Amino acid sequence: MEVAPQVERKIPLTRLAASGKFKGFGSEPLHETRTAKVERNERLDAMIDAWKRFRVPLKLSYIGSALDLFNEAGDIIRGLACTSKDIEEFSLALSRFQGDALFDLKAGLFLSALINHCPERICVIHTSHLYEGISELGFRNTKDIVVEGDVGLLVGFEMKGGRILVRGSGGNSAGRSLENGDIILEGNVCHAVGLSSRGGTITVKGDAGQEVGAWMDGGDIHIFGEISSLSNDVQGGKIFHNGILIVDK
């Protein structure tokens, strides 16, 4: 029987602190980048081929183009029949593509399409080996996602249901336009968590940046660390700090 070759991805042994990426929101444990090995197989090769065919234009409206790009990614990966294990292995293989244009957005939307098309309910994504963030992970999500590491901008953007657990910190606008489901971040978040959310629950176990709940119109936000500032533009919903209701619209 032929043994599939292994691809070794050598990553510089630097130490990346989450507090460096999210400066000013308290200390986080240091994450050691590592050399990982991914066993090549036909499904992984097919996902890599689909990734290469998925192109994100340099000139785009970052928010407005998300749905079109997400749908395009869905068309490209349709028929791959990837399992949750395949998707996890692909997330580990992403480090080789970090030089791609708009890698953060491309990776987030491509992974979101893979997850939503996956027949299984739970998917694990690894990010702690990456030096570039992944943005919009969980776009229009309906599944249960566990993220081992930090996320970039807009985690859970327009999420429809399910659950996203981030075992790390998040960037700006976590849970933007959240409709339903749960987003849990074990670390800190930056600016405008819950921006324009309409439902669901966002839980931040660490600190939150400025403008918490900006333009939210429903749902709950729970913060267990420090809050830099609350938004003056909360339209609806509830915000809790250490279990105490501080905003009730």
C-alpha atoms as a PDB file:
ATOM      1  CA  MET A   1       0.000   0.000   0.000  1.00  0.00           C
ATOM      2  CA  GLU A   2       1.401   3.394  -0.951  1.00  0.00           C
ATOM      3  CA  VAL A   3       1.985   5.705   1.992  1.00  0.00           C
ATOM      4  CA  ALA A   4       0.943   9.332   1.475  1.00  0.00           C
ATOM      5  CA  PRO A   5       3.876  11.736   1.799  1.00  0.00           C
ATOM      6  CA  GLN A   6       3.987  14.144   4.701  1.00  0.00           C
ATOM      7  CA  VAL A   7       4.376  17.857   4.193  1.00  0.00           C
ATOM      8  CA  GLU A   8       6.400  19.581   6.879  1.00  0.00           C
ATOM      9  CA  ARG A   9       5.692  23.267   7.360  1.00  0.00           C
ATOM     10  CA  LYS A  10       8.570  24.966   9.118  1.00  0.00           C
ATOM     11  CA  ILE A  11       7.385  27.942  11.143  1.00  0.00           C
ATOM     12  CA  PRO A  12       9.868  30.275  12.885  1.00  0.00           C
ATOM     13  CA  LEU A  13      10.069  29.422  16.571  1.00  0.00           C
ATOM     14  CA  THR A  14       9.053  32.847  17.761  1.00  0.00           C
ATOM     15  CA  ARG A  15       6.752  33.505  20.673  1.00  0.00           C
ATOM     16  CA  LEU A  16       3.602  35.369  19.796  1.00  0.00           C
ATOM     17  CA  ALA A  17       1.735  36.994  22.652  1.00  0.00           C
ATOM     18  CA  ALA A  18      -1.981  37.514  22.276  1.00  0.00           C
ATOM     19  CA  SER A  19      -1.467  40.680  24.306  1.00  0.00           C
ATOM     20  CA  GLY A  20       0.758  41.912  21.489  1.00  0.00           C
ATOM     21  CA  LYS A  21      -1.976  41.505  18.901  1.00  0.00           C
ATOM     22  CA  PHE A  22      -4.596  42.967  21.247  1.00  0.00           C
ATOM     23  CA  LYS A  23      -2.472  45.545  23.034  1.00  0.00           C
ATOM     24  CA  GLY A  24      -4.032  47.309  25.969  1.00  0.00           C
ATOM     25  CA  PHE A  25      -6.571  44.635  26.887  1.00  0.00           C
ATOM     26  CA  GLY A  26      -4.693  42.817  29.613  1.00  0.00           C
ATOM     27  CA  SER A  27      -2.156  40.020  29.482  1.00  0.00           C
ATOM     28  CA  GLU A  28      -2.759  36.736  27.719  1.00  0.00           C
ATOM     29  CA  PRO A  29      -0.689  33.553  27.816  1.00  0.00           C
ATOM     30  CA  LEU A  30       2.103  33.352  25.261  1.00  0.00           C
ATOM     31  CA  HIS A  31       1.492  30.997  22.360  1.00  0.00           C
ATOM     32  CA  GLU A  32       4.420  29.051  20.950  1.00  0.00           C
ATOM     33  CA  THR A  33       4.342  28.749  17.186  1.00  0.00           C
ATOM     34  CA  ARG A  34       5.215  25.228  16.074  1.00  0.00           C
ATOM     35  CA  THR A  35       6.248  23.039  13.218  1.00  0.00           C
ATOM     36  CA  ALA A  36       3.261  20.932  12.242  1.00  0.00           C
ATOM     37  CA  LYS A  37       2.974  17.956   9.949  1.00  0.00           C
ATOM     38  CA  VAL A  38      -0.046  17.397   7.742  1.00  0.00           C
ATOM     39  CA  GLU A  39      -0.455  14.114   5.936  1.00  0.00           C
ATOM     40  CA  ARG A  40      -1.272  14.660   2.282  1.00  0.00           C
ATOM     41  CA  ASN A  41      -4.426  13.049   0.946  1.00  0.00           C
ATOM     42  CA  GLU A  42      -6.802  13.567  -1.962  1.00  0.00           C
ATOM     43  CA  ARG A  43      -9.317  15.638   0.006  1.00  0.00           C
ATOM     44  CA  LEU A  44      -6.657  17.979   1.376  1.00  0.00           C
ATOM     45  CA  ASP A  45      -5.221  18.392  -2.126  1.00  0.00           C
ATOM     46  CA  ALA A  46      -8.734  19.162  -3.413  1.00  0.00           C
ATOM     47  CA  MET A  47      -9.252  21.838  -0.733  1.00  0.00           C
ATOM     48  CA  ILE A  48      -5.888  23.409  -1.538  1.00  0.00           C
ATOM     49  CA  ASP A  49      -6.784  23.445  -5.229  1.00  0.00           C
ATOM     50  CA  ALA A  50     -10.126  25.106  -4.393  1.00  0.00           C
ATOM     51  CA  TRP A  51      -8.295  27.665  -2.213  1.00  0.00           C
ATOM     52  CA  LYS A  52      -6.057  28.589  -5.125  1.00  0.00           C
ATOM     53  CA  ARG A  53      -9.097  29.092  -7.374  1.00  0.00           C
ATOM     54  CA  PHE A  54     -10.828  31.300  -4.795  1.00  0.00           C
ATOM     55  CA  ARG A  55      -9.602  34.831  -5.456  1.00  0.00           C
ATOM     56  CA  VAL A  56     -10.334  37.932  -3.401  1.00  0.00           C
ATOM     57  CA  PRO A  57     -10.022  41.178  -5.401  1.00  0.00           C
ATOM     58  CA  LEU A  58      -7.743  43.826  -3.950  1.00  0.00           C
ATOM     59  CA  LYS A  59     -10.334  46.551  -4.489  1.00  0.00           C
ATOM     60  CA  LEU A  60     -13.506  45.670  -2.637  1.00  0.00           C
ATOM     61  CA  SER A  61     -15.871  46.871   0.024  1.00  0.00           C
ATOM     62  CA  TYR A  62     -14.622  44.848   2.997  1.00  0.00           C
ATOM     63  CA  ILE A  63     -18.072  44.398   4.499  1.00  0.00           C
ATOM     64  CA  GLY A  64     -20.302  44.676   1.446  1.00  0.00           C
ATOM     65  CA  SER A  65     -18.497  42.020  -0.548  1.00  0.00           C
ATOM     66  CA  ALA A  66     -18.554  39.349   2.163  1.00  0.00           C
ATOM     67  CA  LEU A  67     -21.747  37.626   0.999  1.00  0.00           C
ATOM     68  CA  ASP A  68     -20.690  37.538  -2.657  1.00  0.00           C
ATOM     69  CA  LEU A  69     -17.289  36.098  -1.744  1.00  0.00           C
ATOM     70  CA  PHE A  70     -18.847  33.598   0.670  1.00  0.00           C
ATOM     71  CA  ASN A  71     -21.214  32.397  -2.061  1.00  0.00           C
ATOM     72  CA  GLU A  72     -18.352  32.189  -4.538  1.00  0.00           C
ATOM     73  CA  ALA A  73     -16.341  30.078  -2.084  1.00  0.00           C
ATOM     74  CA  GLY A  74     -19.388  27.843  -1.631  1.00  0.00           C
ATOM     75  CA  ASP A  75     -19.643  27.303  -5.379  1.00  0.00           C
ATOM     76  CA  ILE A  76     -15.947  26.413  -5.591  1.00  0.00           C
ATOM     77  CA  ILE A  77     -15.977  23.891  -2.735  1.00  0.00           C
ATOM     78  CA  ARG A  78     -19.350  22.339  -3.568  1.00  0.00           C
ATOM     79  CA  GLY A  79     -18.962  18.615  -4.141  1.00  0.00           C
ATOM     80  CA  LEU A  80     -15.757  18.222  -2.109  1.00  0.00           C
ATOM     81  CA  ALA A  81     -17.581  16.281   0.655  1.00  0.00           C
ATOM     82  CA  CYS A  82     -15.075  17.352   3.319  1.00  0.00           C
ATOM     83  CA  THR A  83     -15.319  15.983   6.841  1.00  0.00           C
ATOM     84  CA  SER A  84     -14.703  18.048   9.964  1.00  0.00           C
ATOM     85  CA  LYS A  85     -11.311  16.336  10.278  1.00  0.00           C
ATOM     86  CA  ASP A  86     -10.431  17.396   6.722  1.00  0.00           C
ATOM     87  CA  ILE A  87     -11.311  21.004   7.553  1.00  0.00           C
ATOM     88  CA  GLU A  88      -9.240  20.913  10.734  1.00  0.00           C
ATOM     89  CA  GLU A  89      -6.234  19.638   8.762  1.00  0.00           C
ATOM     90  CA  PHE A  90      -6.754  22.340   6.137  1.00  0.00           C
ATOM     91  CA  SER A  91      -6.699  25.023   8.851  1.00  0.00           C
ATOM     92  CA  LEU A  92      -3.290  23.685   9.909  1.00  0.00           C
ATOM     93  CA  ALA A  93      -2.077  23.802   6.296  1.00  0.00           C
ATOM     94  CA  LEU A  94      -3.078  27.469   5.881  1.00  0.00           C
ATOM     95  CA  SER A  95       0.250  28.816   7.132  1.00  0.00           C
ATOM     96  CA  ARG A  96       1.853  28.303   3.723  1.00  0.00           C
ATOM     97  CA  PHE A  97      -0.610  30.747   2.138  1.00  0.00           C
ATOM     98  CA  GLN A  98      -0.202  33.692   4.514  1.00  0.00           C
ATOM     99  CA  GLY A  99       1.398  35.758   1.760  1.00  0.00           C
ATOM    100  CA  ASP A 100      -1.802  35.669  -0.310  1.00  0.00           C
ATOM    101  CA  ALA A 101      -3.555  38.995  -0.884  1.00  0.00           C
ATOM    102  CA  LEU A 102      -6.105  39.748   1.862  1.00  0.00           C
ATOM    103  CA  PHE A 103      -5.272  36.427   3.507  1.00  0.00           C
ATOM    104  CA  ASP A 104      -7.321  37.214   6.634  1.00  0.00           C
ATOM    105  CA  LEU A 105     -10.564  37.758   4.732  1.00  0.00           C
ATOM    106  CA  LYS A 106      -9.939  34.971   2.220  1.00  0.00           C
ATOM    107  CA  ALA A 107      -9.187  32.439   4.965  1.00  0.00           C
ATOM    108  CA  GLY A 108     -12.184  33.413   7.090  1.00  0.00           C
ATOM    109  CA  LEU A 109     -14.749  33.232   4.300  1.00  0.00           C
ATOM    110  CA  PHE A 110     -13.260  30.088   2.745  1.00  0.00           C
ATOM    111  CA  LEU A 111     -13.261  28.271   6.088  1.00  0.00           C
ATOM    112  CA  SER A 112     -16.793  29.531   6.798  1.00  0.00           C
ATOM    113  CA  ALA A 113     -18.003  28.058   3.507  1.00  0.00           C
ATOM    114  CA  LEU A 114     -16.259  24.740   4.204  1.00  0.00           C
ATOM    115  CA  ILE A 115     -17.817  24.556   7.678  1.00  0.00           C
ATOM    116  CA  ASN A 116     -21.353  25.436   6.568  1.00  0.00           C
ATOM    117  CA  HIS A 117     -21.185  22.829   3.782  1.00  0.00           C
ATOM    118  CA  CYS A 118     -19.759  20.159   6.089  1.00  0.00           C
ATOM    119  CA  PRO A 119     -22.242  17.348   6.900  1.00  0.00           C
ATOM    120  CA  GLU A 120     -20.950  17.175  10.476  1.00  0.00           C
ATOM    121  CA  ARG A 121     -22.013  19.506  13.253  1.00  0.00           C
ATOM    122  CA  ILE A 122     -18.737  20.316  15.035  1.00  0.00           C
ATOM    123  CA  CYS A 123     -15.567  21.701  13.428  1.00  0.00           C
ATOM    124  CA  VAL A 124     -12.226  22.595  15.030  1.00  0.00           C
ATOM    125  CA  ILE A 125     -10.079  25.360  13.526  1.00  0.00           C
ATOM    126  CA  HIS A 126      -6.465  26.064  14.506  1.00  0.00           C
ATOM    127  CA  THR A 127      -5.079  29.614  14.361  1.00  0.00           C
ATOM    128  CA  SER A 128      -2.312  29.777  16.970  1.00  0.00           C
ATOM    129  CA  HIS A 129       0.303  28.717  14.384  1.00  0.00           C
ATOM    130  CA  LEU A 130      -0.535  31.686  12.121  1.00  0.00           C
ATOM    131  CA  TYR A 131       1.110  35.096  12.269  1.00  0.00           C
ATOM    132  CA  GLU A 132      -1.759  36.654  10.279  1.00  0.00           C
ATOM    133  CA  GLY A 133      -5.261  36.739  11.700  1.00  0.00           C
ATOM    134  CA  ILE A 134      -8.379  35.151  10.232  1.00  0.00           C
ATOM    135  CA  SER A 135     -11.295  37.576   9.781  1.00  0.00           C
ATOM    136  CA  GLU A 136     -15.018  36.901   9.374  1.00  0.00           C
ATOM    137  CA  LEU A 137     -14.623  33.331  10.582  1.00  0.00           C
ATOM    138  CA  GLY A 138     -18.093  31.918  11.159  1.00  0.00           C
ATOM    139  CA  PHE A 139     -19.742  34.166   8.569  1.00  0.00           C
ATOM    140  CA  ARG A 140     -23.443  33.233   8.481  1.00  0.00           C
ATOM    141  CA  ASN A 141     -22.567  30.292  10.673  1.00  0.00           C
ATOM    142  CA  THR A 142     -25.034  27.524  11.518  1.00  0.00           C
ATOM    143  CA  LYS A 143     -22.627  24.968  13.039  1.00  0.00           C
ATOM    144  CA  ASP A 144     -20.566  24.543  16.218  1.00  0.00           C
ATOM    145  CA  ILE A 145     -17.003  25.842  15.799  1.00  0.00           C
ATOM    146  CA  VAL A 146     -14.118  25.553  18.234  1.00  0.00           C
ATOM    147  CA  VAL A 147     -11.203  27.893  17.465  1.00  0.00           C
ATOM    148  CA  GLU A 148      -7.886  26.924  19.029  1.00  0.00           C
ATOM    149  CA  GLY A 149      -6.231  30.350  19.086  1.00  0.00           C
ATOM    150  CA  ASP A 150      -7.117  33.967  18.323  1.00  0.00           C
ATOM    151  CA  VAL A 151      -9.409  35.337  15.618  1.00  0.00           C
ATOM    152  CA  GLY A 152      -9.313  38.595  13.684  1.00  0.00           C
ATOM    153  CA  LEU A 153     -12.108  40.980  12.785  1.00  0.00           C
ATOM    154  CA  LEU A 154     -15.802  40.171  12.696  1.00  0.00           C
ATOM    155  CA  VAL A 155     -15.916  36.666  14.129  1.00  0.00           C
ATOM    156  CA  GLY A 156     -19.485  35.371  13.777  1.00  0.00           C
ATOM    157  CA  PHE A 157     -20.481  38.098  11.290  1.00  0.00           C
ATOM    158  CA  GLU A 158     -24.188  37.659  10.410  1.00  0.00           C
ATOM    159  CA  MET A 159     -24.221  34.367  12.312  1.00  0.00           C
ATOM    160  CA  LYS A 160     -27.521  32.504  11.966  1.00  0.00           C
ATOM    161  CA  GLY A 161     -27.175  29.917  14.733  1.00  0.00           C
ATOM    162  CA  GLY A 162     -24.908  27.369  16.329  1.00  0.00           C
ATOM    163  CA  ARG A 163     -21.999  28.167  18.601  1.00  0.00           C
ATOM    164  CA  ILE A 164     -18.497  29.596  18.210  1.00  0.00           C
ATOM    165  CA  LEU A 165     -16.013  29.022  21.027  1.00  0.00           C
ATOM    166  CA  VAL A 166     -12.766  30.977  20.653  1.00  0.00           C
ATOM    167  CA  ARG A 167      -9.991  29.752  22.929  1.00  0.00           C
ATOM    168  CA  GLY A 168      -8.180  33.045  22.517  1.00  0.00           C
ATOM    169  CA  SER A 169      -8.894  36.720  21.806  1.00  0.00           C
ATOM    170  CA  GLY A 170     -10.832  38.519  19.076  1.00  0.00           C
ATOM    171  CA  GLY A 171     -10.469  41.669  17.001  1.00  0.00           C
ATOM    172  CA  ASN A 172     -12.931  44.459  16.243  1.00  0.00           C
ATOM    173  CA  SER A 173     -16.682  43.981  15.838  1.00  0.00           C
ATOM    174  CA  ALA A 174     -16.973  40.440  17.182  1.00  0.00           C
ATOM    175  CA  GLY A 175     -20.532  39.240  16.596  1.00  0.00           C
ATOM    176  CA  ARG A 176     -21.427  41.991  14.134  1.00  0.00           C
ATOM    177  CA  SER A 177     -25.047  41.641  12.968  1.00  0.00           C
ATOM    178  CA  LEU A 178     -25.419  38.444  15.002  1.00  0.00           C
ATOM    179  CA  GLU A 179     -28.910  37.028  14.508  1.00  0.00           C
ATOM    180  CA  ASN A 180     -28.884  33.877  16.624  1.00  0.00           C
ATOM    181  CA  GLY A 181     -26.535  31.484  18.394  1.00  0.00           C
ATOM    182  CA  ASP A 182     -23.720  31.877  20.901  1.00  0.00           C
ATOM    183  CA  ILE A 183     -20.234  33.367  20.582  1.00  0.00           C
ATOM    184  CA  ILE A 184     -17.830  32.765  23.470  1.00  0.00           C
ATOM    185  CA  LEU A 185     -14.353  34.318  23.616  1.00  0.00           C
ATOM    186  CA  GLU A 186     -12.105  33.110  26.402  1.00  0.00           C
ATOM    187  CA  GLY A 187      -9.699  36.024  25.920  1.00  0.00           C
ATOM    188  CA  ASN A 188     -10.195  39.717  25.161  1.00  0.00           C
ATOM    189  CA  VAL A 189     -11.986  41.602  22.389  1.00  0.00           C
ATOM    190  CA  CYS A 190     -11.228  44.927  20.755  1.00  0.00           C
ATOM    191  CA  HIS A 191     -13.564  47.693  19.562  1.00  0.00           C
ATOM    192  CA  ALA A 192     -17.365  47.445  19.168  1.00  0.00           C
ATOM    193  CA  VAL A 193     -18.186  43.920  20.304  1.00  0.00           C
ATOM    194  CA  GLY A 194     -21.782  43.131  19.331  1.00  0.00           C
ATOM    195  CA  LEU A 195     -21.945  45.847  16.665  1.00  0.00           C
ATOM    196  CA  SER A 196     -25.474  45.908  15.179  1.00  0.00           C
ATOM    197  CA  SER A 197     -26.338  42.528  16.700  1.00  0.00           C
ATOM    198  CA  ARG A 198     -30.009  41.586  16.602  1.00  0.00           C
ATOM    199  CA  GLY A 199     -30.104  38.447  18.750  1.00  0.00           C
ATOM    200  CA  GLY A 200     -28.060  35.656  20.207  1.00  0.00           C
ATOM    201  CA  THR A 201     -25.517  35.835  23.025  1.00  0.00           C
ATOM    202  CA  ILE A 202     -21.907  37.056  23.083  1.00  0.00           C
ATOM    203  CA  THR A 203     -19.767  36.155  26.088  1.00  0.00           C
ATOM    204  CA  VAL A 204     -16.310  37.657  26.665  1.00  0.00           C
ATOM    205  CA  LYS A 205     -14.394  36.174  29.575  1.00  0.00           C
ATOM    206  CA  GLY A 206     -11.607  38.747  29.284  1.00  0.00           C
ATOM    207  CA  ASP A 207     -11.580  42.506  28.696  1.00  0.00           C
ATOM    208  CA  ALA A 208     -13.578  44.462  26.105  1.00  0.00           C
ATOM    209  CA  GLY A 209     -12.535  47.586  24.207  1.00  0.00           C
ATOM    210  CA  GLN A 210     -14.524  50.726  23.495  1.00  0.00           C
ATOM    211  CA  GLU A 211     -18.092  51.054  22.212  1.00  0.00           C
ATOM    212  CA  VAL A 212     -19.452  47.796  23.604  1.00  0.00           C
ATOM    213  CA  GLY A 213     -22.878  47.163  22.053  1.00  0.00           C
ATOM    214  CA  ALA A 214     -22.682  49.861  19.369  1.00  0.00           C
ATOM    215  CA  TRP A 215     -25.973  49.956  17.477  1.00  0.00           C
ATOM    216  CA  MET A 216     -27.050  46.580  18.864  1.00  0.00           C
ATOM    217  CA  ASP A 217     -30.790  46.030  18.589  1.00  0.00           C
ATOM    218  CA  GLY A 218     -31.224  42.751  20.442  1.00  0.00           C
ATOM    219  CA  GLY A 219     -29.511  39.851  22.102  1.00  0.00           C
ATOM    220  CA  ASP A 220     -27.250  39.717  25.155  1.00  0.00           C
ATOM    221  CA  ILE A 221     -23.605  40.651  25.751  1.00  0.00           C
ATOM    222  CA  HIS A 222     -21.787  39.320  28.827  1.00  0.00           C
ATOM    223  CA  ILE A 223     -18.397  40.806  29.763  1.00  0.00           C
ATOM    224  CA  PHE A 224     -16.399  39.348  32.664  1.00  0.00           C
ATOM    225  CA  GLY A 225     -13.257  41.491  32.422  1.00  0.00           C
ATOM    226  CA  GLU A 226     -12.805  45.243  32.202  1.00  0.00           C
ATOM    227  CA  ILE A 227     -14.922  47.374  29.845  1.00  0.00           C
ATOM    228  CA  SER A 228     -13.211  50.356  28.218  1.00  0.00           C
ATOM    229  CA  SER A 229     -16.525  52.020  27.361  1.00  0.00           C
ATOM    230  CA  LEU A 230     -20.144  51.310  26.573  1.00  0.00           C
ATOM    231  CA  SER A 231     -21.693  52.675  23.398  1.00  0.00           C
ATOM    232  CA  ASN A 232     -24.201  55.519  23.615  1.00  0.00           C
ATOM    233  CA  ASP A 233     -25.990  54.039  20.613  1.00  0.00           C
ATOM    234  CA  VAL A 234     -27.424  50.824  22.047  1.00  0.00           C
ATOM    235  CA  GLN A 235     -30.874  50.466  20.478  1.00  0.00           C
ATOM    236  CA  GLY A 236     -31.998  47.252  22.158  1.00  0.00           C
ATOM    237  CA  GLY A 237     -30.827  44.169  24.010  1.00  0.00           C
ATOM    238  CA  LYS A 238     -29.014  43.638  27.307  1.00  0.00           C
ATOM    239  CA  ILE A 239     -25.424  44.052  28.464  1.00  0.00           C
ATOM    240  CA  PHE A 240     -24.129  42.344  31.601  1.00  0.00           C
ATOM    241  CA  HIS A 241     -20.884  42.968  33.482  1.00  0.00           C
ATOM    242  CA  ASN A 242     -19.797  40.175  35.830  1.00  0.00           C
ATOM    243  CA  GLY A 243     -23.362  38.898  35.836  1.00  0.00           C
ATOM    244  CA  ILE A 244     -24.907  42.284  36.687  1.00  0.00           C
ATOM    245  CA  LEU A 245     -27.312  43.852  34.177  1.00  0.00           C
ATOM    246  CA  ILE A 246     -25.897  47.286  33.258  1.00  0.00           C
ATOM    247  CA  VAL A 247     -27.807  48.058  30.028  1.00  0.00           C
ATOM    248  CA  ASP A 248     -31.409  47.022  29.409  1.00  0.00           C
ATOM    249  CA  LYS A 249     -33.083  48.370  26.300  1.00  0.00           C
END
